[in-house]
C-alpha atoms as a PDB file:
ATOM      1  CA  MET A   1      -9.385-125.807  49.941  1.00  0.00           C
ATOM      2  CA  LEU A   2      -9.498-125.900  46.144  1.00  0.00           C
ATOM      3  CA  LEU A   3      -6.765-123.889  44.472  1.00  0.00           C
ATOM      4  CA  GLU A   4      -9.515-122.524  42.215  1.00  0.00           C
ATOM      5  CA  GLN A   5     -11.089-120.796  45.214  1.00  0.00           C
ATOM      6  CA  LEU A   6      -7.987-118.674  45.688  1.00  0.00           C
ATOM      7  CA  ARG A   7      -8.825-116.898  42.436  1.00  0.00           C
ATOM      8  CA  GLU A   8     -11.217-114.846  44.552  1.00  0.00           C
ATOM      9  CA  ASN A   9      -8.318-113.557  46.647  1.00  0.00           C
ATOM     10  CA  ASP A  10      -8.083-109.959  45.453  1.00  0.00           C
ATOM     11  CA  ILE A  11      -5.331-108.896  47.851  1.00  0.00           C
ATOM     12  CA  GLY A  12      -3.216-106.186  46.253  1.00  0.00           C
ATOM     13  CA  ASN A  13      -5.818-105.304  43.621  1.00  0.00           C
ATOM     14  CA  THR A  14      -6.180-101.619  42.790  1.00  0.00           C
ATOM     15  CA  VAL A  15      -9.614-100.116  42.147  1.00  0.00           C
ATOM     16  CA  ALA A  16     -11.070 -96.740  41.293  1.00  0.00           C
ATOM     17  CA  TRP A  17     -14.045 -95.813  43.482  1.00  0.00           C
ATOM     18  CA  ILE A  18     -16.516 -92.977  43.097  1.00  0.00           C
ATOM     19  CA  PRO A  19     -17.903 -92.452  46.639  1.00  0.00           C
ATOM     20  CA  SER A  20     -20.731 -90.131  45.583  1.00  0.00           C
ATOM     21  CA  LEU A  21     -22.212 -92.890  43.423  1.00  0.00           C
ATOM     22  CA  GLY A  22     -22.375 -95.474  46.173  1.00  0.00           C
ATOM     23  CA  PRO A  23     -20.282 -98.329  47.597  1.00  0.00           C
ATOM     24  CA  ASN A  24     -20.437-100.415  44.410  1.00  0.00           C
ATOM     25  CA  ALA A  25     -19.360 -97.640  42.033  1.00  0.00           C
ATOM     26  CA  MET A  26     -15.884 -99.025  41.505  1.00  0.00           C
ATOM     27  CA  THR A  27     -13.812-100.729  38.823  1.00  0.00           C
ATOM     28  CA  CYS A  28     -10.548-102.629  38.923  1.00  0.00           C
ATOM     29  CA  LEU A  29      -7.474-100.915  37.457  1.00  0.00           C
ATOM     30  CA  THR A  30      -6.229-104.044  35.714  1.00  0.00           C
ATOM     31  CA  TYR A  31      -3.448-102.196  33.925  1.00  0.00           C
ATOM     32  CA  MET A  32      -1.475-102.160  37.178  1.00  0.00           C
ATOM     33  CA  GLN A  33      -0.936-105.922  36.973  1.00  0.00           C
ATOM     34  CA  PHE A  34      -0.085-105.999  33.273  1.00  0.00           C
ATOM     35  CA  SER A  35       2.331-103.076  33.666  1.00  0.00           C
ATOM     36  CA  GLN A  36       4.142-104.749  36.532  1.00  0.00           C
ATOM     37  CA  LEU A  37       4.538-108.006  34.612  1.00  0.00           C
ATOM     38  CA  ALA A  38       5.714-106.146  31.518  1.00  0.00           C
ATOM     39  CA  PHE A  39       8.273-104.187  33.537  1.00  0.00           C
ATOM     40  CA  TYR A  40       9.830-107.238  35.171  1.00  0.00           C
ATOM     41  CA  TYR A  41       9.846-109.209  31.914  1.00  0.00           C
ATOM     42  CA  SER A  42      11.597-106.244  30.261  1.00  0.00           C
ATOM     43  CA  ALA A  43      14.238-106.082  32.972  1.00  0.00           C
ATOM     44  CA  GLN A  44      14.777-109.819  32.562  1.00  0.00           C
ATOM     45  CA  GLN A  45      15.328-109.469  28.802  1.00  0.00           C
ATOM     46  CA  LEU A  46      17.875-106.704  29.424  1.00  0.00           C
ATOM     47  CA  GLU A  47      19.624-108.846  32.019  1.00  0.00           C
ATOM     48  CA  GLN A  48      20.009-111.615  29.460  1.00  0.00           C
ATOM     49  CA  LEU A  49      21.583-109.140  27.056  1.00  0.00           C
ATOM     50  CA  GLU A  50      23.933-107.927  29.765  1.00  0.00           C
ATOM     51  CA  MET A  51      25.017-111.451  30.740  1.00  0.00           C
ATOM     52  CA  SER A  52      25.709-112.604  27.161  1.00  0.00           C
ATOM     53  CA  ILE A  53      28.983-114.563  26.940  1.00  0.00           C
ATOM     54  CA  ASP A  54      29.574-116.723  23.858  1.00  0.00           C
ATOM     55  CA  GLN A  55      26.984-114.933  21.744  1.00  0.00           C
ATOM     56  CA  ILE A  56      24.509-112.088  22.188  1.00  0.00           C
ATOM     57  CA  ASN A  57      21.435-113.317  24.047  1.00  0.00           C
ATOM     58  CA  GLN A  58      18.513-111.532  22.390  1.00  0.00           C
ATOM     59  CA  GLY A  59      16.023-112.528  25.080  1.00  0.00           C
ATOM     60  CA  ASN A  60      14.050-115.682  25.703  1.00  0.00           C
ATOM     61  CA  ALA A  61      10.664-113.991  26.112  1.00  0.00           C
ATOM     62  CA  VAL A  62      10.797-110.905  23.901  1.00  0.00           C
ATOM     63  CA  GLN A  63       7.509-111.540  22.103  1.00  0.00           C
ATOM     64  CA  ALA A  64       5.706-112.241  25.380  1.00  0.00           C
ATOM     65  CA  THR A  65       7.164-109.051  26.880  1.00  0.00           C
ATOM     66  CA  VAL A  66       6.082-106.911  23.943  1.00  0.00           C
ATOM     67  CA  GLY A  67       2.642-108.498  24.119  1.00  0.00           C
ATOM     68  CA  LEU A  68       2.354-107.622  27.794  1.00  0.00           C
ATOM     69  CA  TRP A  69       3.096-103.968  27.054  1.00  0.00           C
ATOM     70  CA  PHE A  70       0.294-103.883  24.484  1.00  0.00           C
ATOM     71  CA  MET A  71      -2.045-105.522  26.991  1.00  0.00           C
ATOM     72  CA  ALA A  72      -1.029-102.915  29.580  1.00  0.00           C
ATOM     73  CA  ILE A  73      -1.818-100.076  27.154  1.00  0.00           C
ATOM     74  CA  GLU A  74      -5.194-101.503  26.169  1.00  0.00           C
ATOM     75  CA  SER A  75      -6.055-102.202  29.808  1.00  0.00           C
ATOM     76  CA  TYR A  76      -5.075 -98.626  30.709  1.00  0.00           C
ATOM     77  CA  ILE A  77      -7.440 -97.179  28.091  1.00  0.00           C
ATOM     78  CA  ASN A  78     -10.237 -99.531  29.152  1.00  0.00           C
ATOM     79  CA  SER A  79      -9.762 -98.753  32.835  1.00  0.00           C
ATOM     80  CA  ILE A  80     -10.206 -95.021  32.226  1.00  0.00           C
ATOM     81  CA  LEU A  81     -13.157 -95.801  29.971  1.00  0.00           C
ATOM     82  CA  ARG A  82     -14.840 -97.846  32.716  1.00  0.00           C
ATOM     83  CA  ILE A  83     -14.354 -95.011  35.221  1.00  0.00           C
ATOM     84  CA  SER A  84     -15.829 -92.553  32.723  1.00  0.00           C
ATOM     85  CA  CYS A  85     -18.760 -94.883  32.060  1.00  0.00           C
ATOM     86  CA  LEU A  86     -19.543 -94.956  35.785  1.00  0.00           C
ATOM     87  CA  VAL A  87     -19.582 -91.152  35.909  1.00  0.00           C
ATOM     88  CA  LYS A  88     -21.634 -90.786  32.729  1.00  0.00           C
ATOM     89  CA  ASP A  89     -23.932 -93.718  33.617  1.00  0.00           C
ATOM     90  CA  VAL A  90     -23.098 -95.472  30.335  1.00  0.00           C
ATOM     91  CA  SER A  91     -22.760 -99.233  29.851  1.00  0.00           C
ATOM     92  CA  PHE A  92     -19.247-100.426  29.044  1.00  0.00           C
ATOM     93  CA  ASP A  93     -20.539-103.720  27.610  1.00  0.00           C
ATOM     94  CA  GLU A  94     -21.046-102.443  24.060  1.00  0.00           C
ATOM     95  CA  ILE A  95     -18.018-100.169  24.053  1.00  0.00           C
ATOM     96  CA  LYS A  96     -15.616-102.978  24.965  1.00  0.00           C
ATOM     97  CA  LYS A  97     -16.532-104.850  21.759  1.00  0.00           C
ATOM     98  CA  LYS A  98     -15.225-102.057  19.546  1.00  0.00           C
ATOM     99  CA  GLU A  99     -11.716-101.786  18.078  1.00  0.00           C
ATOM    100  CA  LEU A 100      -9.092 -99.951  20.124  1.00  0.00           C
ATOM    101  CA  ASP A 101      -9.155 -96.865  17.884  1.00  0.00           C
ATOM    102  CA  ALA A 102     -12.922 -96.588  18.297  1.00  0.00           C
ATOM    103  CA  ARG A 103     -12.623 -96.968  22.074  1.00  0.00           C
ATOM    104  CA  ILE A 104     -10.008 -94.210  22.199  1.00  0.00           C
ATOM    105  CA  LYS A 105     -12.312 -91.903  20.220  1.00  0.00           C
ATOM    106  CA  ILE A 106     -15.210 -92.665  22.582  1.00  0.00           C
ATOM    107  CA  LEU A 107     -12.938 -91.992  25.553  1.00  0.00           C
ATOM    108  CA  PHE A 108     -12.016 -88.547  24.244  1.00  0.00           C
ATOM    109  CA  ASP A 109     -15.673 -87.785  23.553  1.00  0.00           C
ATOM    110  CA  MET A 110     -16.521 -88.750  27.133  1.00  0.00           C
ATOM    111  CA  LEU A 111     -13.643 -86.875  28.725  1.00  0.00           C
ATOM    112  CA  GLY A 112     -14.251 -83.713  26.703  1.00  0.00           C
ATOM    113  CA  VAL A 113     -10.537 -82.876  26.433  1.00  0.00           C
ATOM    114  CA  ASP A 114      -8.447 -81.800  23.449  1.00  0.00           C
ATOM    115  CA  LYS A 115      -7.367 -84.904  21.515  1.00  0.00           C
ATOM    116  CA  ILE A 116      -4.936 -83.185  19.133  1.00  0.00           C
ATOM    117  CA  PRO A 117      -1.817 -83.691  21.317  1.00  0.00           C
ATOM    118  CA  PHE A 118      -2.510 -87.421  21.503  1.00  0.00           C
ATOM    119  CA  TYR A 119      -3.584 -87.920  17.906  1.00  0.00           C
ATOM    120  CA  SER A 120      -0.588 -86.047  16.538  1.00  0.00           C
ATOM    121  CA  GLY A 121       1.954 -88.103  18.482  1.00  0.00           C
ATOM    122  CA  PRO A 122       1.307 -91.217  20.585  1.00  0.00           C
ATOM    123  CA  LEU A 123      -1.593 -92.457  18.448  1.00  0.00           C
ATOM    124  CA  GLN A 124       0.630 -92.648  15.368  1.00  0.00           C
ATOM    125  CA  MET A 125       3.188 -94.788  17.166  1.00  0.00           C
ATOM    126  CA  LEU A 126       0.375 -96.838  18.674  1.00  0.00           C
ATOM    127  CA  ALA A 127      -0.806 -97.573  15.112  1.00  0.00           C
ATOM    128  CA  ASP A 128       2.581 -99.186  14.398  1.00  0.00           C
ATOM    129  CA  PHE A 129       2.325-101.113  17.647  1.00  0.00           C
ATOM    130  CA  LYS A 130      -1.145-102.406  16.693  1.00  0.00           C
ATOM    131  CA  MET A 131       0.154-103.667  13.356  1.00  0.00           C
ATOM    132  CA  TYR A 132       3.105-105.346  15.082  1.00  0.00           C
ATOM    133  CA  ARG A 133       0.851-106.869  17.737  1.00  0.00           C
ATOM    134  CA  ASN A 134      -1.654-108.236  15.196  1.00  0.00           C
ATOM    135  CA  GLU A 135       1.122-109.813  13.123  1.00  0.00           C
ATOM    136  CA  LEU A 136       2.527-111.425  16.275  1.00  0.00           C
ATOM    137  CA  PHE A 137      -0.658-112.508  18.071  1.00  0.00           C
ATOM    138  CA  HIS A 138      -2.330-113.913  14.953  1.00  0.00           C
ATOM    139  CA  ASP A 139       0.876-115.478  13.580  1.00  0.00           C
ATOM    140  CA  ARG A 140       0.681-113.710  10.211  1.00  0.00           C
ATOM    141  CA  THR A 141       4.416-114.087   9.646  1.00  0.00           C
ATOM    142  CA  ASN A 142       5.372-114.444   5.992  1.00  0.00           C
ATOM    143  CA  ASP A 143       8.213-113.569   3.622  1.00  0.00           C
ATOM    144  CA  LYS A 144       7.212-109.913   3.321  1.00  0.00           C
ATOM    145  CA  SER A 145       8.409-107.728   6.181  1.00  0.00           C
ATOM    146  CA  LEU A 146       6.206-105.115   7.792  1.00  0.00           C
ATOM    147  CA  VAL A 147       7.145-101.486   7.222  1.00  0.00           C
ATOM    148  CA  PHE A 148       6.993 -99.138  10.198  1.00  0.00           C
ATOM    149  CA  HIS A 149       7.241 -95.377   9.750  1.00  0.00           C
ATOM    150  CA  LYS A 150       7.214 -94.109  13.331  1.00  0.00           C
ATOM    151  CA  THR A 151       8.925 -96.878  15.280  1.00  0.00           C
ATOM    152  CA  SER A 152      11.907 -99.232  15.357  1.00  0.00           C
ATOM    153  CA  PHE A 153       9.944-102.474  15.561  1.00  0.00           C
ATOM    154  CA  SER A 154      11.254-105.513  13.695  1.00  0.00           C
ATOM    155  CA  GLY A 155       9.661-106.034  10.278  1.00  0.00           C
ATOM    156  CA  ASN A 156       9.163-109.665  11.329  1.00  0.00           C
ATOM    157  CA  PRO A 157       7.893-109.774  14.929  1.00  0.00           C
ATOM    158  CA  PHE A 158       8.957-113.400  15.222  1.00  0.00           C
ATOM    159  CA  PHE A 159      12.565-112.246  14.890  1.00  0.00           C
ATOM    160  CA  ALA A 160      12.769-109.649  17.626  1.00  0.00           C
ATOM    161  CA  ASN A 161      15.074-108.643  20.457  1.00  0.00           C
ATOM    162  CA  GLN A 162      15.509-106.097  23.206  1.00  0.00           C
ATOM    163  CA  VAL A 163      15.061-103.221  20.729  1.00  0.00           C
ATOM    164  CA  ASP A 164      11.438-104.281  20.257  1.00  0.00           C
ATOM    165  CA  VAL A 165      10.988-104.447  24.027  1.00  0.00           C
ATOM    166  CA  MET A 166      12.297-100.917  24.520  1.00  0.00           C
ATOM    167  CA  GLN A 167      10.206 -99.610  21.628  1.00  0.00           C
ATOM    168  CA  ALA A 168       7.112-101.100  23.260  1.00  0.00           C
ATOM    169  CA  VAL A 169       8.052 -99.488  26.584  1.00  0.00           C
ATOM    170  CA  VAL A 170       8.424 -96.071  24.946  1.00  0.00           C
ATOM    171  CA  ILE A 171       4.972 -96.258  23.355  1.00  0.00           C
ATOM    172  CA  ALA A 172       3.434 -97.439  26.604  1.00  0.00           C
ATOM    173  CA  MET A 173       5.056 -94.546  28.458  1.00  0.00           C
ATOM    174  CA  GLN A 174       3.666 -92.069  25.931  1.00  0.00           C
ATOM    175  CA  VAL A 175       0.137 -93.384  26.406  1.00  0.00           C
ATOM    176  CA  PHE A 176       0.436 -93.580  30.195  1.00  0.00           C
ATOM    177  CA  ASN A 177       1.872 -90.078  30.395  1.00  0.00           C
ATOM    178  CA  SER A 178      -0.844 -88.631  28.146  1.00  0.00           C
ATOM    179  CA  PHE A 179      -3.783 -89.689  30.330  1.00  0.00           C
ATOM    180  CA  ARG A 180      -2.159 -89.719  33.769  1.00  0.00           C
ATOM    181  CA  TYR A 181      -3.781 -86.465  34.996  1.00  0.00           C
ATOM    182  CA  VAL A 182      -7.211 -86.526  33.298  1.00  0.00           C
ATOM    183  CA  ILE A 183      -8.853 -87.189  36.685  1.00  0.00           C
ATOM    184  CA  PRO A 184      -8.379 -84.286  39.131  1.00  0.00           C
ATOM    185  CA  ARG A 185      -6.203 -85.032  42.184  1.00  0.00           C
ATOM    186  CA  VAL A 186      -5.304 -88.472  40.768  1.00  0.00           C
ATOM    187  CA  ASP A 187      -2.140 -89.719  39.038  1.00  0.00           C
ATOM    188  CA  LEU A 188      -2.989 -92.760  36.881  1.00  0.00           C
ATOM    189  CA  MET A 189       0.629 -93.592  36.046  1.00  0.00           C
ATOM    190  CA  PRO A 190       1.119 -97.359  36.629  1.00  0.00           C
ATOM    191  CA  GLN A 191       3.121 -98.265  39.710  1.00  0.00           C
ATOM    192  CA  VAL A 192       5.313-101.311  40.243  1.00  0.00           C
ATOM    193  CA  VAL A 193       5.797-103.234  43.474  1.00  0.00           C
ATOM    194  CA  ILE A 194       9.498-103.510  44.385  1.00  0.00           C
ATOM    195  CA  SER A 195      10.713-105.638  47.255  1.00  0.00           C
ATOM    196  CA  LYS A 196      13.064-104.225  49.893  1.00  0.00           C
ATOM    197  CA  GLU A 197      14.396-106.405  52.700  1.00  0.00           C
ATOM    198  CA  ASN A 198      11.319-108.065  54.202  1.00  0.00           C
ATOM    199  CA  SER A 199       8.864-105.531  52.796  1.00  0.00           C
ATOM    200  CA  PHE A 200       8.043-103.715  49.565  1.00  0.00           C
ATOM    201  CA  PHE A 201       7.168-100.320  48.126  1.00  0.00           C
ATOM    202  CA  TYR A 202       5.515 -98.911  45.004  1.00  0.00           C
ATOM    203  CA  GLU A 203       7.438 -96.904  42.402  1.00  0.00           C
ATOM    204  CA  LYS A 204       5.886 -95.070  39.465  1.00  0.00           C
ATOM    205  CA  LEU A 205       6.674 -96.507  36.064  1.00  0.00           C
ATOM    206  CA  ASP A 206       7.973 -93.250  34.577  1.00  0.00           C
ATOM    207  CA  VAL A 207      10.640 -93.176  37.300  1.00  0.00           C
ATOM    208  CA  LEU A 208      11.608 -96.801  36.625  1.00  0.00           C
ATOM    209  CA  PHE A 209      11.722 -96.066  32.902  1.00  0.00           C
ATOM    210  CA  SER A 210      14.076 -93.103  33.215  1.00  0.00           C
ATOM    211  CA  LYS A 211      16.217 -94.370  36.085  1.00  0.00           C
ATOM    212  CA  LEU A 212      16.371 -98.105  35.371  1.00  0.00           C
ATOM    213  CA  LEU A 213      15.205 -99.427  31.992  1.00  0.00           C
ATOM    214  CA  CYS A 214      16.754 -96.724  29.803  1.00  0.00           C
ATOM    215  CA  PRO A 215      20.179 -96.541  31.488  1.00  0.00           C
ATOM    216  CA  TYR A 216      20.235-100.336  31.795  1.00  0.00           C
ATOM    217  CA  PHE A 217      19.604-100.776  28.057  1.00  0.00           C
ATOM    218  CA  GLN A 218      22.206 -98.164  27.148  1.00  0.00           C
ATOM    219  CA  ALA A 219      24.773 -99.709  29.507  1.00  0.00           C
ATOM    220  CA  CYS A 220      24.195-103.154  27.980  1.00  0.00           C
ATOM    221  CA  LEU A 221      24.747-101.761  24.488  1.00  0.00           C
ATOM    222  CA  LEU A 222      27.939-100.045  25.613  1.00  0.00           C
ATOM    223  CA  LYS A 223      29.235-103.192  27.305  1.00  0.00           C
ATOM    224  CA  HIS A 224      28.956-105.255  24.108  1.00  0.00           C
ATOM    225  CA  ALA A 225      29.965-102.437  21.703  1.00  0.00           C
ATOM    226  CA  LEU A 226      26.463-102.332  20.192  1.00  0.00           C
ATOM    227  CA  THR A 227      24.227 -99.462  19.115  1.00  0.00           C
ATOM    228  CA  SER A 228      20.504 -99.038  18.454  1.00  0.00           C
ATOM    229  CA  ASP A 229      18.334 -96.600  16.524  1.00  0.00           C
ATOM    230  CA  VAL A 230      15.378 -96.878  18.881  1.00  0.00           C
ATOM    231  CA  ASP A 231      14.396 -93.435  20.187  1.00  0.00           C
ATOM    232  CA  LEU A 232      14.028 -93.635  23.966  1.00  0.00           C
ATOM    233  CA  HIS A 233      12.934 -90.021  24.329  1.00  0.00           C
ATOM    234  CA  VAL A 234       9.458 -89.565  25.813  1.00  0.00           C
ATOM    235  CA  ASP A 235       8.199 -85.998  25.580  1.00  0.00           C
ATOM    236  CA  VAL A 236       4.411 -86.106  25.493  1.00  0.00           C
ATOM    237  CA  ALA A 237       2.173 -83.379  26.848  1.00  0.00           C
ATOM    238  CA  CYS A 238      -0.217 -84.557  29.547  1.00  0.00           C
ATOM    239  CA  LEU A 239      -3.859 -84.112  28.606  1.00  0.00           C
ATOM    240  CA  SER A 240      -5.834 -81.590  30.634  1.00  0.00           C
ATOM    241  CA  GLU A 241      -8.146 -82.586  33.472  1.00  0.00           C
ATOM    242  CA  SER A 242     -11.555 -83.762  32.309  1.00  0.00           C
ATOM    243  CA  PRO A 243     -14.505 -81.598  33.374  1.00  0.00           C
ATOM    244  CA  ILE A 244     -16.689 -84.676  33.956  1.00  0.00           C
ATOM    245  CA  PHE A 245     -14.783 -85.372  37.193  1.00  0.00           C
ATOM    246  CA  LEU A 246     -14.812 -81.843  38.640  1.00  0.00           C
ATOM    247  CA  ASN A 247     -17.812 -82.521  40.893  1.00  0.00           C
ATOM    248  CA  VAL A 248     -17.375 -86.297  41.047  1.00  0.00           C
ATOM    249  CA  PRO A 249     -14.254 -87.124  43.075  1.00  0.00           C
ATOM    250  CA  VAL A 250     -12.499 -90.424  42.299  1.00  0.00           C
ATOM    251  CA  GLU A 251     -10.584 -92.360  44.938  1.00  0.00           C
ATOM    252  CA  ILE A 252      -7.934 -95.013  44.235  1.00  0.00           C
ATOM    253  CA  LEU A 253      -7.951 -97.915  46.697  1.00  0.00           C
ATOM    254  CA  VAL A 254      -5.640-100.900  47.155  1.00  0.00           C
ATOM    255  CA  LYS A 255      -6.894-104.099  48.809  1.00  0.00           C
ATOM    256  CA  ALA A 256      -4.521-104.541  51.747  1.00  0.00           C
ATOM    257  CA  VAL A 257      -6.324-107.091  53.936  1.00  0.00           C
ATOM    258  CA  PRO A 258      -7.129-110.571  52.557  1.00  0.00           C
ATOM    259  CA  ASP A 259     -10.559-112.092  52.995  1.00  0.00           C
ATOM    260  CA  GLU A 260     -10.655-114.782  55.668  1.00  0.00           C
ATOM    261  CA  LYS A 261     -12.197-117.274  53.243  1.00  0.00           C
ATOM    262  CA  CYS A 262      -9.116-117.025  51.020  1.00  0.00           C
ATOM    263  CA  HIS A 263      -6.549-117.343  53.782  1.00  0.00           C
ATOM    264  CA  VAL A 264      -4.390-120.460  53.407  1.00  0.00           C
ATOM    265  CA  VAL A 265      -1.166-121.079  55.323  1.00  0.00           C
ATOM    266  CA  PRO A 266       1.431-122.573  52.922  1.00  0.00           C
ATOM    267  CA  SER A 267       3.450-125.614  53.942  1.00  0.00           C
ATOM    268  CA  ARG A 268       6.858-124.792  55.451  1.00  0.00           C
ATOM    269  CA  GLU A 269       8.362-128.040  54.189  1.00  0.00           C
ATOM    270  CA  LYS A 270      11.457-127.313  52.064  1.00  0.00           C
ATOM    271  CA  THR A 271      11.159-129.068  48.720  1.00  0.00           C
ATOM    272  CA  ARG A 272      12.665-128.992  45.201  1.00  0.00           C
ATOM    273  CA  LEU A 273       9.867-130.753  43.329  1.00  0.00           C
ATOM    274  CA  GLY A 274      10.340-129.094  39.940  1.00  0.00           C
ATOM    275  CA  GLU A 275      14.116-129.383  40.119  1.00  0.00           C
ATOM    276  CA  GLU A 276      13.842-133.099  40.835  1.00  0.00           C
ATOM    277  CA  LEU A 277      11.456-133.687  37.925  1.00  0.00           C
ATOM    278  CA  PHE A 278      13.724-131.764  35.538  1.00  0.00           C
ATOM    279  CA  GLY A 279      16.595-133.906  36.839  1.00  0.00           C
ATOM    280  CA  LEU A 280      14.765-137.074  35.826  1.00  0.00           C
ATOM    281  CA  ILE A 281      14.264-135.722  32.301  1.00  0.00           C
ATOM    282  CA  ARG A 282      17.968-134.884  32.006  1.00  0.00           C
ATOM    283  CA  GLN A 283      19.001-138.310  33.295  1.00  0.00           C
ATOM    284  CA  GLY A 284      17.125-139.983  30.467  1.00  0.00           C
ATOM    285  CA  VAL A 285      19.222-138.288  27.767  1.00  0.00           C
ATOM    286  CA  THR A 286      22.902-139.095  27.213  1.00  0.00           C
ATOM    287  CA  PHE A 287      25.271-137.258  24.866  1.00  0.00           C
ATOM    288  CA  ASP A 288      28.485-135.272  24.838  1.00  0.00           C
ATOM    289  CA  THR A 289      27.194-131.971  26.222  1.00  0.00           C
ATOM    290  CA  GLU A 290      30.492-130.111  25.651  1.00  0.00           C
ATOM    291  CA  ASN A 291      30.718-130.747  21.904  1.00  0.00           C
ATOM    292  CA  ASN A 292      27.173-131.568  20.843  1.00  0.00           C
ATOM    293  CA  PHE A 293      23.561-130.738  21.545  1.00  0.00           C
ATOM    294  CA  LYS A 294      20.354-132.661  20.985  1.00  0.00           C
ATOM    295  CA  ASP A 295      18.162-130.982  18.393  1.00  0.00           C
ATOM    296  CA  ALA A 296      14.422-131.322  17.944  1.00  0.00           C
ATOM    297  CA  ASN A 297      13.166-134.610  16.522  1.00  0.00           C
ATOM    298  CA  PHE A 298      10.233-134.223  14.131  1.00  0.00           C
ATOM    299  CA  HIS A 299      10.328-137.804  12.820  1.00  0.00           C
ATOM    300  CA  ARG A 300       7.383-140.099  13.477  1.00  0.00           C
END
């Protein structure tokens, strides 16, 4: 079987389904995947800070982690928009081309809920995040630092550390918390898969934020006698339930059984292919590793 064919394996995917509109009235909640990746990348960056020995390790994937949090936020907004479009019988194709601010405005118009709580708080911090994200994703780095008024982001996103990660998490949590109850009987808070023994369970991201990421970050700072000005407090009022869903129930489904066409039994042969290839690269370079290091060679 081609590896490409396994792309169709949607095991574990989470979808929102509106039964009253038929069997095909569903849309994938893509933010679940982005949120999970962002969470584990964040924990990894904190672990590197914790394990610092000779010098403070400021994270080897900070920019990627921050980027994932922005992707999770945008995916979250779009997922709710797609659900609303199904209910209102509106095409998402034109809406998705608009800027994030415009999509948020359209979402509030569709939901018919009070936007003041969101616009007076999370949206302002999200504006800083957008500026940070654009500078980072489009490589607009120059000698003039960005100025942020509501957040603790680095003025130069290329020079970032765990503070930027935690600031991104806080903004994401504000957005997630704001919209989590807009659909009656449904909690849209992202959930993360956590392994336990030979199985796994789902935990909501707000729980992982308050019980793991925040205390972990604070403990790492304490261990290395560091401090940070980033505000980890998340106190955002949840938006009210949208009236458009009152007579249109929404169900959240998780694909638990794989399709037979995508079922492949992996080889049980124990190998170390990548480790062996890295070993060959290392063997080809000789120098005194205790007192020197080999820097990048840009000469032709």
